[in-house]
Amino acid sequence: MADPKWMSDANLTTFSINASNGDTLIIDQLEAFGPMGQTILVMLYSLVTFLAFTGNTLVILVELYGKRSARNLQKFLINLAISDLLIGVLSVPFIYTDLMLV
């Protein structure tokens, strides 16, 4: 895939490292993982997001419509499930994106 013009002008896709013995190492690829590693990570992060959404939604539904427990405990568990749901759905995709661009 060709880089946009502004990236090739700024030379952001390659960089060189000067070793102490005078050798220069030129790195052309800035991706942390190859295509196979990226595919596996996409599947794992998608699975985590799906399980976080489904599991926490089930916890909320059980606490709302299931057998009544102590009111304070019910509020606590629903609050905990909502916060975990938000972290799993809103944070995990950005963590993945950050990992892929490092």
N, C-alpha and C. Protein backbone atom coordinates (compact mmCIF):
# COMPACT_ATOMS: atom_id res chain seq x y z
N MET A 1 0.85 -1.17 0.00
CA MET A 1 0.00 0.00 0.00
C MET A 1 0.89 1.24 0.00
N ALA A 2 0.64 2.13 -0.90
CA ALA A 2 1.46 3.32 -1.02
C ALA A 2 1.10 4.33 0.06
N ASP A 3 2.12 5.00 0.58
CA ASP A 3 1.90 6.01 1.60
C ASP A 3 1.41 7.29 0.95
N PRO A 4 0.62 8.08 1.69
CA PRO A 4 0.21 9.38 1.15
C PRO A 4 1.43 10.26 0.90
N LYS A 5 1.25 11.24 0.04
CA LYS A 5 2.34 12.13 -0.36
C LYS A 5 2.99 12.83 0.84
N TRP A 6 2.17 13.31 1.76
CA TRP A 6 2.73 14.04 2.89
C TRP A 6 3.57 13.14 3.79
N MET A 7 3.25 11.83 3.84
CA MET A 7 4.04 10.93 4.68
C MET A 7 5.38 10.61 4.03
N SER A 8 5.37 10.42 2.71
CA SER A 8 6.63 10.11 2.06
C SER A 8 7.57 11.32 2.06
N ASP A 9 6.99 12.53 2.00
CA ASP A 9 7.82 13.73 2.07
C ASP A 9 8.44 13.90 3.45
N ALA A 10 7.69 13.58 4.48
CA ALA A 10 8.18 13.74 5.85
C ALA A 10 9.04 12.55 6.27
N ASN A 11 9.07 11.49 5.44
CA ASN A 11 9.85 10.29 5.71
C ASN A 11 9.47 9.67 7.05
N LEU A 12 8.15 9.52 7.28
CA LEU A 12 7.68 8.94 8.52
C LEU A 12 7.61 7.42 8.48
N THR A 13 7.75 6.83 7.31
CA THR A 13 7.60 5.39 7.22
C THR A 13 8.91 4.63 7.35
N THR A 14 10.03 5.31 7.26
CA THR A 14 11.32 4.66 7.45
C THR A 14 12.16 5.49 8.40
N PHE A 15 13.03 4.80 9.10
CA PHE A 15 13.99 5.51 9.93
C PHE A 15 15.24 4.66 10.06
N SER A 16 16.32 5.31 10.43
CA SER A 16 17.59 4.59 10.54
C SER A 16 18.12 4.70 11.96
N ILE A 17 18.82 3.66 12.38
CA ILE A 17 19.44 3.61 13.69
C ILE A 17 20.94 3.46 13.49
N ASN A 18 21.69 4.33 14.11
CA ASN A 18 23.15 4.24 14.03
C ASN A 18 23.66 3.42 15.21
N ALA A 19 24.34 2.33 14.92
CA ALA A 19 24.90 1.48 15.96
C ALA A 19 26.22 2.06 16.45
N SER A 20 26.68 1.58 17.59
CA SER A 20 27.92 2.09 18.17
C SER A 20 29.14 1.73 17.32
N ASN A 21 29.04 0.67 16.51
CA ASN A 21 30.18 0.28 15.68
C ASN A 21 30.19 0.99 14.33
N GLY A 22 29.29 1.93 14.12
CA GLY A 22 29.28 2.70 12.89
C GLY A 22 28.30 2.19 11.84
N ASP A 23 27.71 1.01 12.06
CA ASP A 23 26.73 0.48 11.10
C ASP A 23 25.41 1.24 11.22
N THR A 24 24.70 1.31 10.12
CA THR A 24 23.40 1.96 10.09
C THR A 24 22.35 0.93 9.73
N LEU A 25 21.32 0.81 10.57
CA LEU A 25 20.21 -0.10 10.32
C LEU A 25 19.02 0.71 9.86
N ILE A 26 18.51 0.41 8.66
CA ILE A 26 17.36 1.12 8.12
C ILE A 26 16.14 0.23 8.27
N ILE A 27 15.11 0.77 8.91
CA ILE A 27 13.87 0.03 9.15
C ILE A 27 12.78 0.62 8.27
N ASP A 28 12.21 -0.22 7.39
CA ASP A 28 11.18 0.25 6.46
C ASP A 28 9.77 0.00 6.97
N GLN A 29 9.59 -0.93 7.87
CA GLN A 29 8.25 -1.31 8.32
C GLN A 29 8.09 -0.90 9.77
N LEU A 30 7.06 -0.10 10.05
CA LEU A 30 6.81 0.36 11.41
C LEU A 30 5.69 -0.43 12.09
N GLU A 31 5.14 -1.43 11.45
CA GLU A 31 4.06 -2.20 12.06
C GLU A 31 4.64 -3.13 13.11
N ALA A 32 3.93 -3.24 14.23
CA ALA A 32 4.41 -4.08 15.33
C ALA A 32 4.23 -5.56 15.01
N PHE A 33 3.21 -5.91 14.26
CA PHE A 33 2.90 -7.30 13.94
C PHE A 33 2.69 -7.45 12.45
N GLY A 34 2.93 -8.64 11.94
CA GLY A 34 2.66 -8.92 10.54
C GLY A 34 1.17 -9.14 10.32
N PRO A 35 0.78 -9.45 9.09
CA PRO A 35 -0.64 -9.64 8.78
C PRO A 35 -1.28 -10.77 9.60
N MET A 36 -0.57 -11.86 9.82
CA MET A 36 -1.13 -12.97 10.59
C MET A 36 -1.33 -12.56 12.05
N GLY A 37 -0.36 -11.87 12.63
CA GLY A 37 -0.49 -11.39 14.00
C GLY A 37 -1.63 -10.39 14.15
N GLN A 38 -1.78 -9.53 13.16
CA GLN A 38 -2.88 -8.56 13.20
C GLN A 38 -4.23 -9.26 13.11
N THR A 39 -4.33 -10.30 12.29
CA THR A 39 -5.58 -11.04 12.17
C THR A 39 -5.95 -11.71 13.48
N ILE A 40 -4.97 -12.32 14.13
CA ILE A 40 -5.21 -12.98 15.41
C ILE A 40 -5.63 -11.95 16.46
N LEU A 41 -4.95 -10.81 16.49
CA LEU A 41 -5.31 -9.78 17.47
C LEU A 41 -6.69 -9.19 17.21
N VAL A 42 -7.06 -9.03 15.95
CA VAL A 42 -8.41 -8.54 15.63
C VAL A 42 -9.44 -9.52 16.17
N MET A 43 -9.21 -10.82 15.97
CA MET A 43 -10.15 -11.82 16.46
C MET A 43 -10.21 -11.83 17.99
N LEU A 44 -9.06 -11.73 18.65
CA LEU A 44 -9.05 -11.75 20.11
C LEU A 44 -9.72 -10.51 20.71
N TYR A 45 -9.41 -9.34 20.19
CA TYR A 45 -10.01 -8.13 20.71
C TYR A 45 -11.51 -8.08 20.40
N SER A 46 -11.91 -8.60 19.25
CA SER A 46 -13.34 -8.67 18.94
C SER A 46 -14.05 -9.62 19.89
N LEU A 47 -13.42 -10.74 20.19
CA LEU A 47 -14.00 -11.69 21.14
C LEU A 47 -14.13 -11.08 22.52
N VAL A 48 -13.10 -10.38 22.97
CA VAL A 48 -13.15 -9.73 24.29
C VAL A 48 -14.27 -8.69 24.33
N THR A 49 -14.39 -7.89 23.29
CA THR A 49 -15.44 -6.87 23.25
C THR A 49 -16.82 -7.52 23.25
N PHE A 50 -17.00 -8.57 22.46
CA PHE A 50 -18.28 -9.27 22.40
C PHE A 50 -18.63 -9.89 23.75
N LEU A 51 -17.67 -10.57 24.38
CA LEU A 51 -17.93 -11.20 25.67
C LEU A 51 -18.20 -10.17 26.76
N ALA A 52 -17.49 -9.06 26.74
CA ALA A 52 -17.73 -8.00 27.72
C ALA A 52 -19.14 -7.44 27.56
N PHE A 53 -19.54 -7.22 26.32
CA PHE A 53 -20.88 -6.69 26.08
C PHE A 53 -21.95 -7.69 26.51
N THR A 54 -21.82 -8.93 26.07
CA THR A 54 -22.85 -9.94 26.36
C THR A 54 -22.91 -10.26 27.85
N GLY A 55 -21.76 -10.52 28.45
CA GLY A 55 -21.75 -10.91 29.85
C GLY A 55 -22.29 -9.83 30.76
N ASN A 56 -21.87 -8.61 30.55
CA ASN A 56 -22.32 -7.52 31.41
C ASN A 56 -23.78 -7.16 31.16
N THR A 57 -24.23 -7.31 29.93
CA THR A 57 -25.65 -7.09 29.66
C THR A 57 -26.49 -8.14 30.38
N LEU A 58 -26.03 -9.39 30.38
CA LEU A 58 -26.74 -10.44 31.11
C LEU A 58 -26.76 -10.18 32.61
N VAL A 59 -25.66 -9.71 33.16
CA VAL A 59 -25.62 -9.39 34.59
C VAL A 59 -26.63 -8.30 34.92
N ILE A 60 -26.70 -7.28 34.08
CA ILE A 60 -27.65 -6.19 34.31
C ILE A 60 -29.08 -6.71 34.25
N LEU A 61 -29.38 -7.53 33.24
CA LEU A 61 -30.74 -8.07 33.10
C LEU A 61 -31.11 -8.98 34.27
N VAL A 62 -30.19 -9.81 34.72
CA VAL A 62 -30.47 -10.70 35.84
C VAL A 62 -30.70 -9.90 37.12
N GLU A 63 -29.91 -8.87 37.32
CA GLU A 63 -30.10 -8.06 38.53
C GLU A 63 -31.39 -7.25 38.48
N LEU A 64 -31.81 -6.83 37.30
CA LEU A 64 -33.04 -6.06 37.19
C LEU A 64 -34.29 -6.93 37.27
N TYR A 65 -34.27 -8.07 36.59
CA TYR A 65 -35.49 -8.88 36.47
C TYR A 65 -35.43 -10.21 37.21
N GLY A 66 -34.30 -10.57 37.75
CA GLY A 66 -34.17 -11.84 38.44
C GLY A 66 -34.71 -11.77 39.85
N LYS A 67 -34.43 -12.82 40.59
CA LYS A 67 -34.87 -12.89 41.97
C LYS A 67 -34.24 -11.73 42.74
N ARG A 68 -35.02 -11.09 43.57
CA ARG A 68 -34.57 -9.90 44.28
C ARG A 68 -33.51 -10.25 45.32
N SER A 69 -32.46 -9.44 45.32
CA SER A 69 -31.43 -9.55 46.34
C SER A 69 -31.45 -8.25 47.15
N ALA A 70 -30.50 -8.11 48.03
CA ALA A 70 -30.44 -6.88 48.82
C ALA A 70 -30.32 -5.68 47.89
N ARG A 71 -31.05 -4.64 48.18
CA ARG A 71 -31.13 -3.48 47.29
C ARG A 71 -29.76 -2.82 47.09
N ASN A 72 -28.98 -2.71 48.16
CA ASN A 72 -27.65 -2.09 48.03
C ASN A 72 -26.73 -2.94 47.17
N LEU A 73 -26.80 -4.25 47.35
CA LEU A 73 -25.97 -5.15 46.54
C LEU A 73 -26.39 -5.09 45.08
N GLN A 74 -27.68 -5.02 44.83
CA GLN A 74 -28.18 -4.94 43.46
C GLN A 74 -27.68 -3.67 42.77
N LYS A 75 -27.75 -2.55 43.46
CA LYS A 75 -27.26 -1.29 42.88
C LYS A 75 -25.76 -1.38 42.59
N PHE A 76 -25.02 -1.95 43.53
CA PHE A 76 -23.58 -2.09 43.35
C PHE A 76 -23.25 -2.95 42.14
N LEU A 77 -23.90 -4.11 42.01
CA LEU A 77 -23.60 -5.02 40.90
C LEU A 77 -24.01 -4.43 39.55
N ILE A 78 -25.11 -3.73 39.51
CA ILE A 78 -25.52 -3.08 38.26
C ILE A 78 -24.54 -1.98 37.89
N ASN A 79 -24.13 -1.19 38.86
CA ASN A 79 -23.15 -0.13 38.61
C ASN A 79 -21.83 -0.71 38.12
N LEU A 80 -21.39 -1.80 38.76
CA LEU A 80 -20.15 -2.46 38.37
C LEU A 80 -20.25 -3.02 36.94
N ALA A 81 -21.38 -3.63 36.61
CA ALA A 81 -21.57 -4.19 35.27
C ALA A 81 -21.61 -3.09 34.21
N ILE A 82 -22.24 -1.97 34.52
CA ILE A 82 -22.30 -0.85 33.56
C ILE A 82 -20.90 -0.28 33.32
N SER A 83 -20.13 -0.11 34.38
CA SER A 83 -18.79 0.44 34.19
C SER A 83 -17.90 -0.54 33.42
N ASP A 84 -18.02 -1.83 33.70
CA ASP A 84 -17.24 -2.82 32.97
C ASP A 84 -17.68 -2.90 31.51
N LEU A 85 -18.97 -2.76 31.27
CA LEU A 85 -19.50 -2.75 29.90
C LEU A 85 -18.93 -1.56 29.13
N LEU A 86 -18.90 -0.40 29.74
CA LEU A 86 -18.37 0.78 29.06
C LEU A 86 -16.88 0.65 28.78
N ILE A 87 -16.13 0.12 29.73
CA ILE A 87 -14.69 -0.08 29.50
C ILE A 87 -14.48 -1.08 28.37
N GLY A 88 -15.23 -2.19 28.40
CA GLY A 88 -15.05 -3.23 27.39
C GLY A 88 -15.43 -2.79 26.00
N VAL A 89 -16.44 -1.97 25.90
CA VAL A 89 -16.93 -1.58 24.57
C VAL A 89 -16.27 -0.29 24.06
N LEU A 90 -15.98 0.64 24.95
CA LEU A 90 -15.44 1.92 24.50
C LEU A 90 -13.92 2.00 24.59
N SER A 91 -13.28 1.18 25.40
CA SER A 91 -11.85 1.29 25.58
C SER A 91 -11.07 0.27 24.76
N VAL A 92 -11.56 -0.95 24.69
CA VAL A 92 -10.81 -2.03 24.02
C VAL A 92 -10.50 -1.72 22.56
N PRO A 93 -11.44 -1.20 21.76
CA PRO A 93 -11.07 -0.90 20.36
C PRO A 93 -9.96 0.14 20.23
N PHE A 94 -9.91 1.11 21.13
CA PHE A 94 -8.86 2.13 21.06
C PHE A 94 -7.52 1.57 21.52
N ILE A 95 -7.55 0.64 22.49
CA ILE A 95 -6.30 -0.01 22.91
C ILE A 95 -5.74 -0.80 21.74
N TYR A 96 -6.61 -1.50 21.04
CA TYR A 96 -6.17 -2.27 19.87
C TYR A 96 -5.56 -1.35 18.82
N THR A 97 -6.22 -0.25 18.53
CA THR A 97 -5.72 0.69 17.53
C THR A 97 -4.37 1.24 17.94
N ASP A 98 -4.22 1.58 19.21
CA ASP A 98 -2.95 2.09 19.70
C ASP A 98 -1.85 1.03 19.58
N LEU A 99 -2.19 -0.21 19.88
CA LEU A 99 -1.22 -1.30 19.79
C LEU A 99 -0.77 -1.52 18.34
N MET A 100 -1.68 -1.43 17.39
CA MET A 100 -1.34 -1.66 16.01
C MET A 100 -0.50 -0.52 15.42
N LEU A 101 -0.63 0.68 15.96
CA LEU A 101 0.09 1.82 15.39
C LEU A 101 1.42 2.08 16.08
N VAL A 102 1.75 1.31 17.09
CA VAL A 102 3.04 1.50 17.77
C VAL A 102 4.13 0.83 17.02
